[in-house]
Protein backbone atom coordinates (compact mmCIF):
# COMPACT_ATOMS: atom_id res chain seq x y z
CA MET A 1 0.32 0.06 0.11
CA SER A 2 1.12 3.16 -1.08
CA PRO A 3 2.11 5.86 1.34
CA LEU A 4 -1.42 8.34 1.83
CA TRP A 5 -0.73 11.66 0.63
CA LEU A 6 -2.93 14.93 2.04
CA VAL A 7 -3.71 17.87 0.00
CA THR A 8 -4.52 21.15 1.27
CA GLY A 9 -6.28 24.02 -1.43
CA ALA A 10 -7.41 20.96 -3.08
CA ALA A 11 -10.86 22.09 -4.27
CA GLY A 12 -8.58 24.99 -6.31
CA MET A 13 -7.30 24.54 -10.04
CA LEU A 14 -4.16 23.46 -8.99
CA GLY A 15 -5.59 20.66 -6.21
CA GLN A 16 -8.30 19.18 -8.75
CA ASP A 17 -4.83 18.40 -11.36
CA LEU A 18 -3.13 17.24 -7.92
CA MET A 19 -5.38 14.48 -6.64
CA ALA A 20 -6.71 13.42 -10.45
CA ALA A 21 -2.59 12.77 -10.81
CA LEU A 22 -1.97 11.17 -7.27
CA ALA A 23 -4.80 9.21 -8.53
CA ARG A 24 -3.39 7.95 -11.66
CA GLU A 25 -0.34 7.21 -9.74
CA ASP A 26 -2.74 4.94 -7.06
CA ILE A 27 -1.36 6.80 -4.29
CA THR A 28 -4.33 7.36 -1.79
CA ALA A 29 -4.58 11.22 -1.17
CA VAL A 30 -7.02 12.88 1.75
CA ALA A 31 -8.38 16.22 -0.02
CA ALA A 32 -8.73 19.40 2.71
CA ASN A 33 -10.92 21.94 1.61
CA ARG A 34 -10.61 24.98 3.22
CA THR A 35 -14.31 24.50 4.59
CA VAL A 36 -12.77 21.13 5.85
CA LEU A 37 -9.40 23.17 6.74
CA ASP A 38 -8.01 26.43 8.37
CA ILE A 39 -4.22 25.96 7.19
CA ALA A 40 -3.77 29.05 10.16
CA ASP A 41 -5.39 26.68 13.30
CA PRO A 42 -2.83 25.01 14.95
CA ALA A 43 -5.22 22.82 16.68
CA ARG A 44 -7.18 21.76 13.45
CA VAL A 45 -3.97 21.76 11.94
CA ARG A 46 -2.53 18.72 14.26
CA ASP A 47 -5.52 16.66 14.63
CA LEU A 48 -5.93 16.45 10.73
CA LEU A 49 -2.37 15.34 10.88
CA ALA A 50 -2.71 12.89 13.78
CA THR A 51 -5.65 11.49 12.37
CA HIS A 52 -4.84 10.82 8.59
CA ARG A 53 -0.79 10.59 10.00
CA PRO A 54 0.12 11.13 5.60
CA ALA A 55 4.00 10.90 4.58
CA VAL A 56 3.40 13.56 2.14
CA LEU A 57 1.58 16.88 2.52
CA VAL A 58 1.09 19.51 -0.32
CA ASN A 59 0.06 22.45 0.94
CA CYS A 60 -1.48 24.36 -2.68
CA ALA A 61 -4.06 26.51 -0.07
CA ALA A 62 -3.48 30.05 -0.68
CA TRP A 63 -4.85 33.63 -0.74
CA THR A 64 -4.37 34.77 -4.50
CA ALA A 65 -6.07 38.11 -5.23
CA VAL A 66 -2.77 39.44 -5.35
CA ASP A 67 -4.80 43.35 -6.00
CA ASP A 68 -6.57 43.21 -2.51
CA ALA A 69 -4.21 42.10 -0.44
CA GLU A 70 -2.53 45.21 -1.13
CA SER A 71 -5.04 46.98 0.93
CA GLN A 72 -5.76 43.37 3.56
CA GLU A 73 -2.01 42.19 3.55
CA ASP A 74 -2.86 41.07 7.33
CA ALA A 75 -5.60 38.72 5.83
CA ALA A 76 -3.19 37.57 3.10
CA LEU A 77 -0.33 36.63 5.63
CA ARG A 78 -2.55 34.70 7.44
CA VAL A 79 -2.98 32.60 4.75
CA ASN A 80 -0.13 32.82 2.62
CA GLY A 81 2.43 32.79 5.92
CA THR A 82 0.82 31.96 9.19
CA GLY A 83 -0.62 28.69 7.55
CA PRO A 84 1.94 27.64 5.94
CA ALA A 85 4.11 27.79 9.43
CA VAL A 86 1.33 25.82 11.04
CA LEU A 87 1.65 22.77 8.66
CA ALA A 88 5.18 22.73 8.65
CA ALA A 89 4.90 22.68 12.28
CA ALA A 90 2.76 20.04 12.48
CA CYS A 91 4.96 18.57 9.98
CA ARG A 92 8.14 18.42 11.83
CA GLU A 93 6.07 16.84 14.68
CA HIS A 94 4.79 14.32 12.30
CA GLY A 95 7.40 13.54 10.08
CA THR A 96 5.64 14.31 7.21
CA VAL A 97 7.59 15.98 4.12
CA LEU A 98 5.96 18.99 3.15
CA LEU A 99 5.54 20.27 -0.64
CA HIS A 100 4.89 24.02 -0.04
CA VAL A 101 3.41 25.84 -3.57
CA SER A 102 4.68 29.07 -3.97
CA THR A 103 4.83 32.22 -6.74
CA ASP A 104 7.04 34.00 -8.72
CA TYR A 105 6.12 37.32 -7.16
CA VAL A 106 8.49 36.84 -4.68
CA PHE A 107 11.27 38.26 -6.83
CA ALA A 108 11.62 42.20 -7.80
CA GLY A 109 10.55 40.88 -11.56
CA ASP A 110 13.11 43.66 -12.93
CA GLY A 111 15.81 40.90 -14.11
CA THR A 112 16.56 39.68 -17.91
CA LEU A 113 18.22 36.34 -16.95
CA PRO A 114 15.93 33.87 -15.76
CA TYR A 115 16.03 33.58 -12.02
CA GLY A 116 17.10 30.60 -10.48
CA GLU A 117 16.29 28.90 -7.42
CA ASP A 118 19.08 30.78 -5.09
CA ALA A 119 18.60 34.17 -6.37
CA PRO A 120 17.58 36.64 -4.48
CA THR A 121 14.35 37.19 -3.44
CA GLY A 122 12.75 41.37 -3.58
CA PRO A 123 8.91 41.21 -3.72
CA ARG A 124 7.23 44.38 -4.99
CA SER A 125 3.77 43.91 -3.54
CA ALA A 126 1.88 42.82 -0.68
CA TYR A 127 0.92 39.08 -2.37
CA GLY A 128 4.63 38.57 -2.65
CA ARG A 129 5.75 39.46 0.79
CA THR A 130 3.57 37.18 2.24
CA LYS A 131 4.52 34.55 -0.02
CA LEU A 132 7.68 35.05 0.83
CA ALA A 133 7.34 34.76 4.52
CA GLY A 134 5.74 31.37 4.06
CA GLU A 135 8.32 29.94 1.96
CA ARG A 136 10.95 31.26 4.97
CA ALA A 137 8.80 29.24 7.62
CA VAL A 138 8.64 25.93 5.63
CA LEU A 139 12.29 26.03 4.74
CA GLU A 140 13.28 27.32 8.69
CA THR A 141 11.15 24.78 10.08
CA LEU A 142 12.02 21.93 7.72
CA PRO A 143 15.26 22.02 6.60
CA ASP A 144 15.46 18.71 5.59
CA THR A 145 11.93 17.55 4.83
CA GLY A 146 10.46 21.17 3.23
CA TYR A 147 9.95 21.72 -0.29
CA VAL A 148 8.83 25.26 -1.90
CA VAL A 149 7.76 24.52 -5.16
CA ARG A 150 7.62 28.15 -7.30
CA THR A 151 5.62 28.83 -9.87
CA ALA A 152 4.09 31.09 -12.16
CA TRP A 153 0.80 32.24 -14.59
CA LEU A 154 -1.03 29.22 -13.92
CA TYR A 155 -3.73 28.22 -16.16
CA GLY A 156 -6.23 24.98 -15.85
CA ALA A 157 -9.88 23.76 -16.75
CA GLY A 158 -10.57 23.61 -13.17
CA GLY A 159 -10.80 27.56 -12.04
CA ALA A 160 -11.01 30.87 -14.02
CA ASN A 161 -7.57 32.14 -15.28
CA PHE A 162 -6.43 33.92 -18.03
CA VAL A 163 -6.61 31.43 -20.48
CA ARG A 164 -10.65 30.66 -19.82
CA THR A 165 -10.86 34.28 -19.66
CA MET A 166 -9.49 34.82 -23.30
CA ILE A 167 -11.27 32.18 -25.06
CA ARG A 168 -14.47 33.55 -23.45
CA LEU A 169 -13.50 37.49 -24.65
CA GLU A 170 -12.80 36.08 -28.12
CA GLY A 171 -16.13 35.80 -29.04
CA VAL A 172 -17.38 39.11 -27.73
CA LYS A 173 -15.01 41.48 -28.58
CA ASP A 174 -13.95 42.24 -32.09
CA THR A 175 -9.93 43.14 -31.10
CA LEU A 176 -8.34 42.83 -27.75
CA ASP A 177 -5.40 44.50 -26.23
CA VAL A 178 -3.38 42.88 -24.18
CA VAL A 179 -0.39 43.63 -22.17
CA ASP A 180 3.32 42.94 -24.11
CA ASP A 181 5.74 44.80 -21.49
CA GLN A 182 5.42 41.66 -18.78
CA ARG A 183 7.76 38.19 -20.06
CA GLY A 184 6.70 35.15 -18.29
CA GLN A 185 5.87 30.94 -18.71
CA PRO A 186 2.41 29.74 -18.95
CA THR A 187 1.85 26.77 -17.07
CA TRP A 188 -0.66 24.04 -17.10
CA THR A 189 -1.67 23.11 -13.49
CA ALA A 190 -1.90 19.29 -14.55
CA ASP A 191 2.08 19.49 -16.14
CA LEU A 192 2.93 21.05 -12.60
CA ALA A 193 0.91 18.45 -10.68
CA GLY A 194 2.53 15.69 -12.68
CA ARG A 195 5.72 17.23 -11.36
CA LEU A 196 5.12 17.27 -7.91
CA VAL A 197 3.96 14.02 -7.50
CA ARG A 198 7.32 13.25 -8.86
CA LEU A 199 8.84 15.00 -6.32
CA GLY A 200 7.18 14.26 -3.15
CA GLN A 201 7.70 10.41 -4.20
CA ALA A 202 11.52 11.36 -4.66
CA ALA A 203 11.75 13.45 -1.20
CA LEU A 204 10.01 9.71 0.22
CA GLU A 205 12.82 7.62 -1.50
CA GLY A 206 15.59 10.40 -0.34
CA THR A 207 16.65 10.94 -4.28
CA ALA A 208 15.41 14.72 -3.85
CA PRO A 209 16.96 17.22 -1.42
CA ALA A 210 15.08 19.43 0.41
CA GLY A 211 14.91 23.11 -0.88
CA VAL A 212 13.76 25.78 -3.40
CA TYR A 213 12.40 23.83 -6.55
CA HIS A 214 10.94 25.32 -10.07
CA GLY A 215 7.64 24.24 -11.65
CA THR A 216 6.98 26.69 -14.45
CA SER A 217 6.64 25.46 -18.71
CA GLY A 218 10.10 25.73 -20.85
CA GLY A 219 9.87 28.65 -23.15
CA GLU A 220 8.87 32.34 -22.26
CA THR A 221 6.28 34.85 -24.07
CA THR A 222 4.31 37.70 -23.36
CA TRP A 223 0.53 37.98 -22.30
CA PHE A 224 0.22 39.57 -25.73
CA GLY A 225 2.21 36.43 -27.41
CA PHE A 226 0.23 34.09 -25.21
CA THR A 227 -3.17 35.60 -26.37
CA ARG A 228 -2.02 35.33 -29.66
CA GLU A 229 -1.49 31.62 -29.11
CA ILE A 230 -5.15 31.04 -27.52
CA PHE A 231 -6.81 32.92 -30.56
CA ARG A 232 -4.51 30.63 -32.95
CA LEU A 233 -6.06 27.45 -31.27
CA LEU A 234 -9.35 28.95 -31.77
CA GLY A 235 -8.80 29.50 -35.31
CA ALA A 236 -9.34 32.99 -34.92
CA ASP A 237 -7.16 35.50 -36.83
CA PRO A 238 -4.13 36.63 -34.15
CA ALA A 239 -4.08 39.75 -35.48
CA ARG A 240 -6.98 40.62 -33.75
CA VAL A 241 -4.77 40.95 -30.92
CA ARG A 242 -2.93 44.09 -30.14
CA PRO A 243 -0.07 44.61 -27.63
CA THR A 244 -0.60 47.50 -25.46
CA THR A 245 1.57 48.35 -22.07
CA SER A 246 1.20 47.66 -18.23
CA GLY A 247 0.46 51.09 -18.33
CA ALA A 248 -2.68 51.30 -20.09
CA TYR A 249 -4.19 48.71 -17.06
CA PRO A 250 -3.45 50.51 -13.40
CA ARG A 251 -3.37 48.00 -10.92
CA PRO A 252 -3.47 48.14 -6.86
CA ALA A 253 -0.59 46.00 -7.19
CA PRO A 254 2.58 45.95 -9.02
CA ARG A 255 3.06 42.96 -11.56
CA PRO A 256 6.64 41.81 -12.14
CA ALA A 257 8.06 43.00 -15.50
CA PHE A 258 10.19 39.76 -16.14
CA SER A 259 9.09 36.08 -14.71
CA VAL A 260 10.69 33.92 -16.08
CA LEU A 261 12.06 30.94 -13.75
CA ALA A 262 15.09 28.82 -14.43
CA GLN A 263 14.25 24.88 -13.68
CA ARG A 264 17.75 23.44 -12.73
CA ARG A 265 17.07 21.84 -9.64
CA PHE A 266 13.97 19.23 -11.08
CA ALA A 267 16.64 18.25 -13.91
CA ALA A 268 19.40 17.71 -10.96
CA ALA A 269 16.69 15.46 -8.73
CA GLY A 270 16.74 13.14 -12.05
CA ILE A 271 13.04 14.87 -12.68
CA GLU A 272 12.56 16.43 -16.32
CA PRO A 273 11.05 19.75 -16.21
CA ILE A 274 8.02 20.86 -17.26
CA ARG A 275 8.00 20.83 -21.25
CA ASP A 276 7.71 23.95 -23.51
CA TRP A 277 4.38 26.18 -22.86
CA ARG A 278 3.36 25.93 -26.01
CA THR A 279 3.09 22.31 -26.49
CA ALA A 280 1.49 22.00 -23.24
CA LEU A 281 -1.14 24.92 -24.31
CA GLY A 282 -1.96 22.64 -27.03
CA GLU A 283 -2.96 19.38 -25.44
CA ALA A 284 -4.83 21.48 -22.61
CA PHE A 285 -6.65 23.24 -24.78
CA PRO A 286 -9.31 20.99 -25.40
CA ALA A 287 -10.60 20.73 -21.74
CA LEU A 288 -10.12 24.42 -21.82
CA LEU A 289 -12.52 25.39 -24.30
CA ALA A 290 -14.99 22.65 -22.95
CA ALA A 291 -14.89 24.38 -19.60
CA GLU A 292 -15.81 27.88 -21.21
CA ARG A 293 -17.86 27.06 -24.08
CA PRO A 294 -19.82 23.79 -22.78
């Protein structure tokens, strides 16, 4: 019988794909949604781990409302900082491996070369600061069994995201103006879920050292380039997508201009990094289209 896993935030877009990936590997997993578990409540967390005694806990729970965090940083910190700290303390008590999902927003976003796992952090938003607090709590509490997996530009069929929004807008807008001065790596949640499973297995086998990993697709593009590829897959004219600047869409939270992450540590652990973003989007597209246009 395979070791039991526990997934927090299991009802979210990534959590859904992770539960599906675990099922395909015949790994028994307990889904802990926010209606079941407040990850910042030490007593509830300790009770859940004492009941199930998971070998691996994957934390997909997060405050992801980037702009709202600017005016509600304490609330965001409770989920993104205190929650991971509580989970890490409980995992240390029970000998559980913790995989914690984080974000590119922990970087300043003003680089020109892909950020390595050991690159200096410097978040410019409240969201980024709260996520960095969670990272530090995991790494400090679990130096030998704590894993931080940073990702970016996630999309999937199981929730609201940029791809589904663009699919919807293509049907109602003649043209779209999309930001062309922010670079990143569109990443399918199903691809990331597969790497989380591999990493957890490697952690249990002792073949992947604890620490920071980057889980994003290969290649890079801008939101403008991403949207043109979505239009192409829809059979729509990509020329209907026009480039614009971030200044045209002012937001409460600053967006990183450069969010490209290097994925060296997965390869070093013998785990193949995630494939090119275009290939992944093409495979994911039928499910995304069916979710948005049933």
